[in-house]
Amino acid sequence: MPAILGALKVISVGSAGVVHIGDVAIIAPKAAAKTYAGSGSFNTGDFPSTYSVVSSTNTNDQDIADENIVGL
């Protein structure tokens, strides 16, 4: 179904990312990542404001493999 878009702002696209505007049946990028970040790290927008006095991130992971990907 056709769509009418207004302003579109794409800041960045990663190596396994997909930006598709229009009709599509299947989009299946293959990637996995584990990200550790502290308080207020993933804020988005033009004027973010965060107030974090004390922050700590637990990065202890006992798994051997996380998010295994099987594909072509």
Protein backbone atom coordinates (compact mmCIF):
# COMPACT_ATOMS: atom_id res chain seq x y z
CA MET A 1 0.00 0.00 0.00
CA PRO A 2 1.52 3.35 -0.97
CA ALA A 3 2.44 5.82 1.74
CA ILE A 4 3.07 9.55 1.74
CA LEU A 5 6.11 10.52 3.80
CA GLY A 6 6.96 13.85 5.28
CA ALA A 7 10.44 14.71 6.47
CA LEU A 8 12.73 11.74 7.02
CA LYS A 9 15.91 11.94 9.10
CA VAL A 10 18.33 8.98 8.94
CA ILE A 11 21.31 9.55 11.21
CA SER A 12 23.22 6.34 10.48
CA VAL A 13 22.73 2.78 9.26
CA GLY A 14 24.92 -0.05 10.53
CA SER A 15 26.62 -2.70 8.43
CA ALA A 16 23.68 -5.12 8.80
CA GLY A 17 21.00 -2.45 8.81
CA VAL A 18 18.25 -1.94 6.25
CA VAL A 19 16.49 1.27 5.28
CA HIS A 20 13.61 0.55 2.94
CA ILE A 21 10.85 2.96 2.02
CA GLY A 22 7.97 1.46 0.07
CA ASP A 23 6.32 -1.92 -0.34
CA VAL A 24 8.30 -4.99 0.71
CA ALA A 25 7.49 -8.64 1.39
CA ILE A 26 10.39 -9.78 3.59
CA ILE A 27 13.39 -8.02 5.08
CA ALA A 28 15.66 -10.25 7.15
CA PRO A 29 19.09 -8.81 7.96
CA LYS A 30 21.37 -11.17 9.87
CA ALA A 31 23.40 -9.69 12.71
CA ALA A 32 23.78 -10.02 16.46
CA ALA A 33 25.50 -7.82 18.99
CA LYS A 34 25.73 -7.44 22.73
CA THR A 35 25.91 -3.91 24.00
CA TYR A 36 26.66 -2.66 27.48
CA ALA A 37 25.91 0.93 28.32
CA GLY A 38 25.32 3.02 31.40
CA SER A 39 22.48 5.25 32.44
CA GLY A 40 21.30 7.68 29.76
CA SER A 41 23.44 6.18 26.99
CA PHE A 42 20.73 5.46 24.41
CA ASN A 43 18.85 8.75 24.49
CA THR A 44 17.71 9.92 21.07
CA GLY A 45 16.49 13.23 19.78
CA ASP A 46 17.90 16.61 18.96
CA PHE A 47 18.30 17.98 22.50
CA PRO A 48 18.61 15.13 25.03
CA SER A 49 19.01 15.95 28.72
CA THR A 50 20.06 13.33 31.25
CA TYR A 51 20.84 13.67 34.93
CA SER A 52 22.69 10.61 36.22
CA VAL A 53 24.65 11.20 39.38
CA VAL A 54 25.78 7.60 40.02
CA SER A 55 25.65 4.87 37.38
CA SER A 56 27.18 1.41 37.03
CA THR A 57 26.67 -1.31 34.43
CA ASN A 58 26.96 -5.02 35.25
CA THR A 59 28.85 -6.76 32.41
CA ASN A 60 29.25 -10.18 34.06
CA ASP A 61 27.97 -12.79 31.56
CA GLN A 62 28.36 -16.51 32.20
CA ASP A 63 27.10 -17.64 28.77
CA ILE A 64 29.53 -19.09 26.24
CA ALA A 65 27.56 -18.00 23.16
CA ASP A 66 24.75 -15.48 22.89
CA GLU A 67 22.36 -14.82 19.99
CA ASN A 68 23.70 -17.46 17.60
CA ILE A 69 22.67 -16.77 14.01
CA VAL A 70 21.91 -19.51 11.51
CA GLY A 71 21.42 -18.45 7.92
CA LEU A 72 22.76 -18.42 4.40
